[in-house]
């Protein structure tokens, strides 16, 4: 097995509040993507809203090999890899 063919995890900087959209786009391309989410509850006067929000805002983690760098860069709302 070649070191270039093994998959590694990388952090990618994305647009604010664009984490879920980016993950959906990457999964359509066959790229494994992940962002840790937590439950968030907001109480208003007339209702209670439950949401899942990212723990690390504006970051998505991708599990890719060397051949998948370009498809990740071409995805909408991605600014680049974190160095």
PDB file of N, CA and C in Angstrom:
ATOM      1  N   UNK A   1       0.842  -1.179   0.000  1.00  0.00           N
ATOM      2  CA  UNK A   1       0.000   0.000   0.000  1.00  0.00           C
ATOM      3  C   UNK A   1       0.888   1.244   0.000  1.00  0.00           C
ATOM      4  N   UNK A   2       0.604   2.141  -0.867  1.00  0.00           N
ATOM      5  CA  UNK A   2       1.370   3.368  -1.022  1.00  0.00           C
ATOM      6  C   UNK A   2       0.899   4.421  -0.023  1.00  0.00           C
ATOM      7  N   UNK A   3       1.809   5.244   0.465  1.00  0.00           N
ATOM      8  CA  UNK A   3       1.422   6.298   1.420  1.00  0.00           C
ATOM      9  C   UNK A   3       0.511   7.338   0.761  1.00  0.00           C
ATOM     10  N   UNK A   4       0.634   7.508  -0.547  1.00  0.00           N
ATOM     11  CA  UNK A   4      -0.194   8.485  -1.252  1.00  0.00           C
ATOM     12  C   UNK A   4      -1.624   8.000  -1.441  1.00  0.00           C
ATOM     13  N   UNK A   5      -1.848   6.689  -1.365  1.00  0.00           N
ATOM     14  CA  UNK A   5      -3.179   6.137  -1.582  1.00  0.00           C
ATOM     15  C   UNK A   5      -3.999   6.025  -0.300  1.00  0.00           C
ATOM     16  N   UNK A   6      -3.379   6.241   0.842  1.00  0.00           N
ATOM     17  CA  UNK A   6      -4.117   6.118   2.097  1.00  0.00           C
ATOM     18  C   UNK A   6      -4.923   7.385   2.361  1.00  0.00           C
ATOM     19  N   UNK A   7      -6.072   7.197   2.962  1.00  0.00           N
ATOM     20  CA  UNK A   7      -6.931   8.342   3.280  1.00  0.00           C
ATOM     21  C   UNK A   7      -6.518   8.960   4.607  1.00  0.00           C
ATOM     22  N   UNK A   8      -6.631  10.283   4.691  1.00  0.00           N
ATOM     23  CA  UNK A   8      -6.326  11.019   5.905  1.00  0.00           C
ATOM     24  C   UNK A   8      -7.440  12.029   6.170  1.00  0.00           C
ATOM     25  N   UNK A   9      -7.546  12.453   7.438  1.00  0.00           N
ATOM     26  CA  UNK A   9      -8.532  13.463   7.821  1.00  0.00           C
ATOM     27  C   UNK A   9      -7.907  14.850   7.709  1.00  0.00           C
ATOM     28  N   UNK A  10      -8.650  15.791   7.108  1.00  0.00           N
ATOM     29  CA  UNK A  10      -8.218  17.178   6.986  1.00  0.00           C
ATOM     30  C   UNK A  10      -9.358  18.088   7.414  1.00  0.00           C
ATOM     31  N   UNK A  11      -9.008  19.244   7.937  1.00  0.00           N
ATOM     32  CA  UNK A  11     -10.010  20.256   8.281  1.00  0.00           C
ATOM     33  C   UNK A  11     -10.129  21.233   7.115  1.00  0.00           C
ATOM     34  N   UNK A  12     -11.365  21.614   6.808  1.00  0.00           N
ATOM     35  CA  UNK A  12     -11.643  22.528   5.704  1.00  0.00           C
ATOM     36  C   UNK A  12     -12.429  23.706   6.259  1.00  0.00           C
ATOM     37  N   UNK A  13     -12.038  24.923   5.885  1.00  0.00           N
ATOM     38  CA  UNK A  13     -12.742  26.140   6.290  1.00  0.00           C
ATOM     39  C   UNK A  13     -13.885  26.387   5.312  1.00  0.00           C
ATOM     40  N   UNK A  14     -15.094  26.595   5.844  1.00  0.00           N
ATOM     41  CA  UNK A  14     -16.278  26.790   5.001  1.00  0.00           C
ATOM     42  C   UNK A  14     -16.982  28.097   5.378  1.00  0.00           C
ATOM     43  N   UNK A  15     -17.967  28.453   4.569  1.00  0.00           N
ATOM     44  CA  UNK A  15     -18.764  29.660   4.795  1.00  0.00           C
ATOM     45  C   UNK A  15     -19.529  29.543   6.115  1.00  0.00           C
ATOM     46  N   UNK A  16     -19.728  30.667   6.791  1.00  0.00           N
ATOM     47  CA  UNK A  16     -20.483  30.707   8.041  1.00  0.00           C
ATOM     48  C   UNK A  16     -21.884  30.153   7.811  1.00  0.00           C
ATOM     49  N   UNK A  17     -22.283  29.223   8.646  1.00  0.00           N
ATOM     50  CA  UNK A  17     -23.572  28.537   8.564  1.00  0.00           C
ATOM     51  C   UNK A  17     -23.751  27.722   7.282  1.00  0.00           C
ATOM     52  N   UNK A  18     -22.646  27.301   6.680  1.00  0.00           N
ATOM     53  CA  UNK A  18     -22.729  26.513   5.462  1.00  0.00           C
ATOM     54  C   UNK A  18     -22.267  25.083   5.643  1.00  0.00           C
ATOM     55  N   UNK A  19     -22.114  24.646   6.882  1.00  0.00           N
ATOM     56  CA  UNK A  19     -21.560  23.327   7.159  1.00  0.00           C
ATOM     57  C   UNK A  19     -22.432  22.204   6.604  1.00  0.00           C
ATOM     58  N   UNK A  20     -23.720  22.257   6.857  1.00  0.00           N
ATOM     59  CA  UNK A  20     -24.618  21.183   6.419  1.00  0.00           C
ATOM     60  C   UNK A  20     -24.713  21.129   4.895  1.00  0.00           C
ATOM     61  N   UNK A  21     -24.695  22.276   4.248  1.00  0.00           N
ATOM     62  CA  UNK A  21     -24.755  22.327   2.786  1.00  0.00           C
ATOM     63  C   UNK A  21     -23.494  21.724   2.187  1.00  0.00           C
ATOM     64  N   UNK A  22     -22.338  22.070   2.746  1.00  0.00           N
ATOM     65  CA  UNK A  22     -21.063  21.548   2.249  1.00  0.00           C
ATOM     66  C   UNK A  22     -20.991  20.038   2.434  1.00  0.00           C
ATOM     67  N   UNK A  23     -21.430  19.540   3.586  1.00  0.00           N
ATOM     68  CA  UNK A  23     -21.408  18.100   3.830  1.00  0.00           C
ATOM     69  C   UNK A  23     -22.290  17.373   2.814  1.00  0.00           C
ATOM     70  N   UNK A  24     -23.450  17.917   2.517  1.00  0.00           N
ATOM     71  CA  UNK A  24     -24.347  17.291   1.530  1.00  0.00           C
ATOM     72  C   UNK A  24     -23.702  17.277   0.140  1.00  0.00           C
ATOM     73  N   UNK A  25     -23.037  18.371  -0.241  1.00  0.00           N
ATOM     74  CA  UNK A  25     -22.383  18.433  -1.547  1.00  0.00           C
ATOM     75  C   UNK A  25     -21.224  17.443  -1.638  1.00  0.00           C
ATOM     76  N   UNK A  26     -20.439  17.343  -0.574  1.00  0.00           N
ATOM     77  CA  UNK A  26     -19.302  16.427  -0.580  1.00  0.00           C
ATOM     78  C   UNK A  26     -19.770  14.970  -0.616  1.00  0.00           C
ATOM     79  N   UNK A  27     -20.834  14.649   0.098  1.00  0.00           N
ATOM     80  CA  UNK A  27     -21.342  13.281   0.087  1.00  0.00           C
ATOM     81  C   UNK A  27     -21.903  12.899  -1.275  1.00  0.00           C
ATOM     82  N   UNK A  28     -22.457  13.862  -2.023  1.00  0.00           N
ATOM     83  CA  UNK A  28     -22.901  13.598  -3.387  1.00  0.00           C
ATOM     84  C   UNK A  28     -21.720  13.263  -4.290  1.00  0.00           C
ATOM     85  N   UNK A  29     -20.540  13.807  -3.979  1.00  0.00           N
ATOM     86  CA  UNK A  29     -19.325  13.526  -4.749  1.00  0.00           C
ATOM     87  C   UNK A  29     -18.635  12.245  -4.278  1.00  0.00           C
ATOM     88  N   UNK A  30     -19.144  11.610  -3.249  1.00  0.00           N
ATOM     89  CA  UNK A  30     -18.552  10.384  -2.743  1.00  0.00           C
ATOM     90  C   UNK A  30     -17.412  10.614  -1.776  1.00  0.00           C
ATOM     91  N   UNK A  31     -17.364  11.780  -1.150  1.00  0.00           N
ATOM     92  CA  UNK A  31     -16.305  12.131  -0.201  1.00  0.00           C
ATOM     93  C   UNK A  31     -16.888  12.088   1.205  1.00  0.00           C
ATOM     94  N   UNK A  32     -16.187  11.409   2.093  1.00  0.00           N
ATOM     95  CA  UNK A  32     -16.638  11.296   3.478  1.00  0.00           C
ATOM     96  C   UNK A  32     -16.384  12.621   4.200  1.00  0.00           C
ATOM     97  N   UNK A  33     -17.420  13.218   4.776  1.00  0.00           N
ATOM     98  CA  UNK A  33     -17.315  14.500   5.469  1.00  0.00           C
ATOM     99  C   UNK A  33     -18.024  14.414   6.815  1.00  0.00           C
ATOM    100  N   UNK A  34     -17.522  15.189   7.770  1.00  0.00           N
ATOM    101  CA  UNK A  34     -18.057  15.124   9.134  1.00  0.00           C
ATOM    102  C   UNK A  34     -17.871  16.465   9.831  1.00  0.00           C
ATOM    103  N   UNK A  35     -18.851  16.852  10.604  1.00  0.00           N
ATOM    104  CA  UNK A  35     -18.717  17.968  11.528  1.00  0.00           C
ATOM    105  C   UNK A  35     -19.453  17.587  12.807  1.00  0.00           C
ATOM    106  N   UNK A  36     -18.834  17.766  13.957  1.00  0.00           N
ATOM    107  CA  UNK A  36     -19.515  17.409  15.209  1.00  0.00           C
ATOM    108  C   UNK A  36     -20.689  18.352  15.470  1.00  0.00           C
ATOM    109  N   UNK A  37     -21.835  17.777  15.829  1.00  0.00           N
ATOM    110  CA  UNK A  37     -23.039  18.576  16.079  1.00  0.00           C
ATOM    111  C   UNK A  37     -23.488  18.397  17.528  1.00  0.00           C
ATOM    112  N   UNK A  38     -24.203  19.403  18.019  1.00  0.00           N
ATOM    113  CA  UNK A  38     -24.775  19.328  19.365  1.00  0.00           C
ATOM    114  C   UNK A  38     -26.213  19.825  19.307  1.00  0.00           C
ATOM    115  N   UNK A  39     -27.008  19.355  20.241  1.00  0.00           N
ATOM    116  CA  UNK A  39     -28.409  19.782  20.307  1.00  0.00           C
ATOM    117  C   UNK A  39     -28.481  21.172  20.929  1.00  0.00           C
ATOM    118  N   UNK A  40     -29.331  22.011  20.367  1.00  0.00           N
ATOM    119  CA  UNK A  40     -29.511  23.378  20.832  1.00  0.00           C
ATOM    120  C   UNK A  40     -31.003  23.633  20.960  1.00  0.00           C
ATOM    121  N   UNK A  41     -31.425  24.101  22.126  1.00  0.00           N
ATOM    122  CA  UNK A  41     -32.836  24.397  22.365  1.00  0.00           C
ATOM    123  C   UNK A  41     -32.987  25.872  22.682  1.00  0.00           C
ATOM    124  N   UNK A  42     -33.920  26.492  21.992  1.00  0.00           N
ATOM    125  CA  UNK A  42     -34.172  27.912  22.192  1.00  0.00           C
ATOM    126  C   UNK A  42     -35.634  28.082  22.592  1.00  0.00           C
ATOM    127  N   UNK A  43     -35.888  28.764  23.683  1.00  0.00           N
ATOM    128  CA  UNK A  43     -37.252  28.974  24.157  1.00  0.00           C
ATOM    129  C   UNK A  43     -37.699  30.398  23.787  1.00  0.00           C
ATOM    130  N   UNK A  44     -38.782  30.463  23.055  1.00  0.00           N
ATOM    131  CA  UNK A  44     -39.418  31.727  22.708  1.00  0.00           C
ATOM    132  C   UNK A  44     -40.703  31.852  23.525  1.00  0.00           C
ATOM    133  N   UNK A  45     -41.390  32.969  23.397  1.00  0.00           N
ATOM    134  CA  UNK A  45     -42.606  33.195  24.164  1.00  0.00           C
ATOM    135  C   UNK A  45     -43.677  32.155  23.810  1.00  0.00           C
ATOM    136  N   UNK A  46     -43.839  31.854  22.528  1.00  0.00           N
ATOM    137  CA  UNK A  46     -44.920  30.970  22.098  1.00  0.00           C
ATOM    138  C   UNK A  46     -44.478  29.571  21.678  1.00  0.00           C
ATOM    139  N   UNK A  47     -43.189  29.335  21.595  1.00  0.00           N
ATOM    140  CA  UNK A  47     -42.759  28.008  21.145  1.00  0.00           C
ATOM    141  C   UNK A  47     -41.343  27.700  21.614  1.00  0.00           C
ATOM    142  N   UNK A  48     -40.991  26.440  21.494  1.00  0.00           N
ATOM    143  CA  UNK A  48     -39.641  25.976  21.803  1.00  0.00           C
ATOM    144  C   UNK A  48     -39.073  25.362  20.527  1.00  0.00           C
ATOM    145  N   UNK A  49     -37.853  25.771  20.154  1.00  0.00           N
ATOM    146  CA  UNK A  49     -37.226  25.308  18.919  1.00  0.00           C
ATOM    147  C   UNK A  49     -36.017  24.447  19.269  1.00  0.00           C
ATOM    148  N   UNK A  50     -35.968  23.252  18.660  1.00  0.00           N
ATOM    149  CA  UNK A  50     -34.838  22.341  18.843  1.00  0.00           C
ATOM    150  C   UNK A  50     -34.062  22.280  17.538  1.00  0.00           C
ATOM    151  N   UNK A  51     -32.750  22.475  17.603  1.00  0.00           N
ATOM    152  CA  UNK A  51     -31.897  22.442  16.414  1.00  0.00           C
ATOM    153  C   UNK A  51     -30.608  21.692  16.717  1.00  0.00           C
ATOM    154  N   UNK A  52     -29.963  21.247  15.645  1.00  0.00           N
ATOM    155  CA  UNK A  52     -28.627  20.682  15.743  1.00  0.00           C
ATOM    156  C   UNK A  52     -27.671  21.708  15.145  1.00  0.00           C
ATOM    157  N   UNK A  53     -26.706  22.166  15.931  1.00  0.00           N
ATOM    158  CA  UNK A  53     -25.747  23.170  15.480  1.00  0.00           C
ATOM    159  C   UNK A  53     -24.336  22.599  15.579  1.00  0.00           C
ATOM    160  N   UNK A  54     -23.422  23.074  14.725  1.00  0.00           N
ATOM    161  CA  UNK A  54     -22.048  22.571  14.763  1.00  0.00           C
ATOM    162  C   UNK A  54     -21.309  23.010  16.022  1.00  0.00           C
ATOM    163  N   UNK A  55     -20.480  22.124  16.544  1.00  0.00           N
ATOM    164  CA  UNK A  55     -19.653  22.454  17.703  1.00  0.00           C
ATOM    165  C   UNK A  55     -18.553  23.425  17.283  1.00  0.00           C
ATOM    166  N   UNK A  56     -17.926  23.160  16.137  1.00  0.00           N
ATOM    167  CA  UNK A  56     -16.887  24.026  15.584  1.00  0.00           C
ATOM    168  C   UNK A  56     -17.463  24.743  14.369  1.00  0.00           C
ATOM    169  N   UNK A  57     -17.902  25.953  14.570  1.00  0.00           N
ATOM    170  CA  UNK A  57     -18.523  26.710  13.498  1.00  0.00           C
ATOM    171  C   UNK A  57     -17.511  26.974  12.382  1.00  0.00           C
ATOM    172  N   UNK A  58     -17.926  26.872  11.144  1.00  0.00           N
ATOM    173  CA  UNK A  58     -17.170  27.127   9.907  1.00  0.00           C
ATOM    174  C   UNK A  58     -16.096  26.090   9.602  1.00  0.00           C
ATOM    175  N   UNK A  59     -16.142  24.917  10.223  1.00  0.00           N
ATOM    176  CA  UNK A  59     -15.170  23.866   9.918  1.00  0.00           C
ATOM    177  C   UNK A  59     -15.870  22.553   9.605  1.00  0.00           C
ATOM    178  N   UNK A  60     -15.355  21.871   8.590  1.00  0.00           N
ATOM    179  CA  UNK A  60     -15.827  20.545   8.216  1.00  0.00           C
ATOM    180  C   UNK A  60     -14.589  19.671   8.069  1.00  0.00           C
ATOM    181  N   UNK A  61     -14.683  18.437   8.513  1.00  0.00           N
ATOM    182  CA  UNK A  61     -13.574  17.495   8.400  1.00  0.00           C
ATOM    183  C   UNK A  61     -13.854  16.537   7.254  1.00  0.00           C
ATOM    184  N   UNK A  62     -12.845  16.324   6.394  1.00  0.00           N
ATOM    185  CA  UNK A  62     -12.988  15.434   5.240  1.00  0.00           C
ATOM    186  C   UNK A  62     -11.968  14.312   5.331  1.00  0.00           C
ATOM    187  N   UNK A  63     -12.385  13.114   4.913  1.00  0.00           N
ATOM    188  CA  UNK A  63     -11.522  11.930   4.906  1.00  0.00           C
ATOM    189  C   UNK A  63     -11.225  11.608   3.450  1.00  0.00           C
ATOM    190  N   UNK A  64     -10.046  12.042   2.971  1.00  0.00           N
ATOM    191  CA  UNK A  64      -9.739  11.960   1.540  1.00  0.00           C
ATOM    192  C   UNK A  64      -8.330  11.420   1.307  1.00  0.00           C
ATOM    193  N   UNK A  65      -8.085  11.045   0.047  1.00  0.00           N
ATOM    194  CA  UNK A  65      -6.739  10.719  -0.401  1.00  0.00           C
ATOM    195  C   UNK A  65      -6.280  11.813  -1.372  1.00  0.00           C
ATOM    196  N   UNK A  66      -5.106  11.652  -1.936  1.00  0.00           N
ATOM    197  CA  UNK A  66      -4.521  12.693  -2.789  1.00  0.00           C
ATOM    198  C   UNK A  66      -5.377  13.040  -4.007  1.00  0.00           C
ATOM    199  N   UNK A  67      -6.064  12.053  -4.579  1.00  0.00           N
ATOM    200  CA  UNK A  67      -6.852  12.278  -5.795  1.00  0.00           C
ATOM    201  C   UNK A  67      -8.100  13.117  -5.537  1.00  0.00           C
ATOM    202  N   UNK A  68      -8.503  13.265  -4.293  1.00  0.00           N
ATOM    203  CA  UNK A  68      -9.754  13.972  -3.988  1.00  0.00           C
ATOM    204  C   UNK A  68      -9.543  15.424  -3.542  1.00  0.00           C
ATOM    205  N   UNK A  69      -8.303  15.924  -3.578  1.00  0.00           N
ATOM    206  CA  UNK A  69      -8.064  17.321  -3.198  1.00  0.00           C
ATOM    207  C   UNK A  69      -8.824  18.299  -4.098  1.00  0.00           C
ATOM    208  N   UNK A  70      -8.726  18.120  -5.391  1.00  0.00           N
ATOM    209  CA  UNK A  70      -9.344  19.052  -6.344  1.00  0.00           C
ATOM    210  C   UNK A  70     -10.868  19.044  -6.230  1.00  0.00           C
ATOM    211  N   UNK A  71     -11.543  17.880  -6.177  1.00  0.00           N
ATOM    212  CA  UNK A  71     -13.007  17.921  -5.999  1.00  0.00           C
ATOM    213  C   UNK A  71     -13.441  18.638  -4.715  1.00  0.00           C
ATOM    214  N   UNK A  72     -12.626  18.559  -3.661  1.00  0.00           N
ATOM    215  CA  UNK A  72     -12.968  19.282  -2.427  1.00  0.00           C
ATOM    216  C   UNK A  72     -12.852  20.790  -2.661  1.00  0.00           C
ATOM    217  N   UNK A  73     -11.768  21.223  -3.329  1.00  0.00           N
ATOM    218  CA  UNK A  73     -11.592  22.655  -3.608  1.00  0.00           C
ATOM    219  C   UNK A  73     -12.684  23.204  -4.514  1.00  0.00           C
ATOM    220  N   UNK A  74     -13.193  22.390  -5.414  1.00  0.00           N
ATOM    221  CA  UNK A  74     -14.212  22.836  -6.363  1.00  0.00           C
ATOM    222  C   UNK A  74     -15.605  22.923  -5.743  1.00  0.00           C
ATOM    223  N   UNK A  75     -15.763  22.466  -4.523  1.00  0.00           N
ATOM    224  CA  UNK A  75     -17.068  22.492  -3.859  1.00  0.00           C
ATOM    225  C   UNK A  75     -17.412  23.914  -3.443  1.00  0.00           C
ATOM    226  N   UNK A  76     -18.655  24.266  -3.647  1.00  0.00           N
ATOM    227  CA  UNK A  76     -19.140  25.606  -3.318  1.00  0.00           C
ATOM    228  C   UNK A  76     -19.093  25.836  -1.803  1.00  0.00           C
ATOM    229  N   UNK A  77     -18.752  27.047  -1.389  1.00  0.00           N
ATOM    230  CA  UNK A  77     -18.674  27.517   0.010  1.00  0.00           C
ATOM    231  C   UNK A  77     -17.437  27.031   0.757  1.00  0.00           C
ATOM    232  N   UNK A  78     -16.502  26.365   0.090  1.00  0.00           N
ATOM    233  CA  UNK A  78     -15.254  25.965   0.743  1.00  0.00           C
ATOM    234  C   UNK A  78     -14.183  26.993   0.433  1.00  0.00           C
ATOM    235  N   UNK A  79     -13.508  27.480   1.484  1.00  0.00           N
ATOM    236  CA  UNK A  79     -12.460  28.488   1.308  1.00  0.00           C
ATOM    237  C   UNK A  79     -11.079  27.860   1.193  1.00  0.00           C
ATOM    238  N   UNK A  80     -10.855  26.701   1.773  1.00  0.00           N
ATOM    239  CA  UNK A  80      -9.568  26.037   1.663  1.00  0.00           C
ATOM    240  C   UNK A  80      -9.296  25.132   2.844  1.00  0.00           C
ATOM    241  N   UNK A  81      -8.162  24.454   2.763  1.00  0.00           N
ATOM    242  CA  UNK A  81      -7.745  23.557   3.828  1.00  0.00           C
ATOM    243  C   UNK A  81      -7.102  24.357   4.955  1.00  0.00           C
ATOM    244  N   UNK A  82      -7.262  23.894   6.179  1.00  0.00           N
ATOM    245  CA  UNK A  82      -6.649  24.540   7.341  1.00  0.00           C
ATOM    246  C   UNK A  82      -5.219  24.033   7.444  1.00  0.00           C
ATOM    247  N   UNK A  83      -4.289  24.979   7.600  1.00  0.00           N
ATOM    248  CA  UNK A  83      -2.875  24.600   7.700  1.00  0.00           C
ATOM    249  C   UNK A  83      -2.390  24.759   9.098  1.00  0.00           C
TER     250      UNK A  83
END
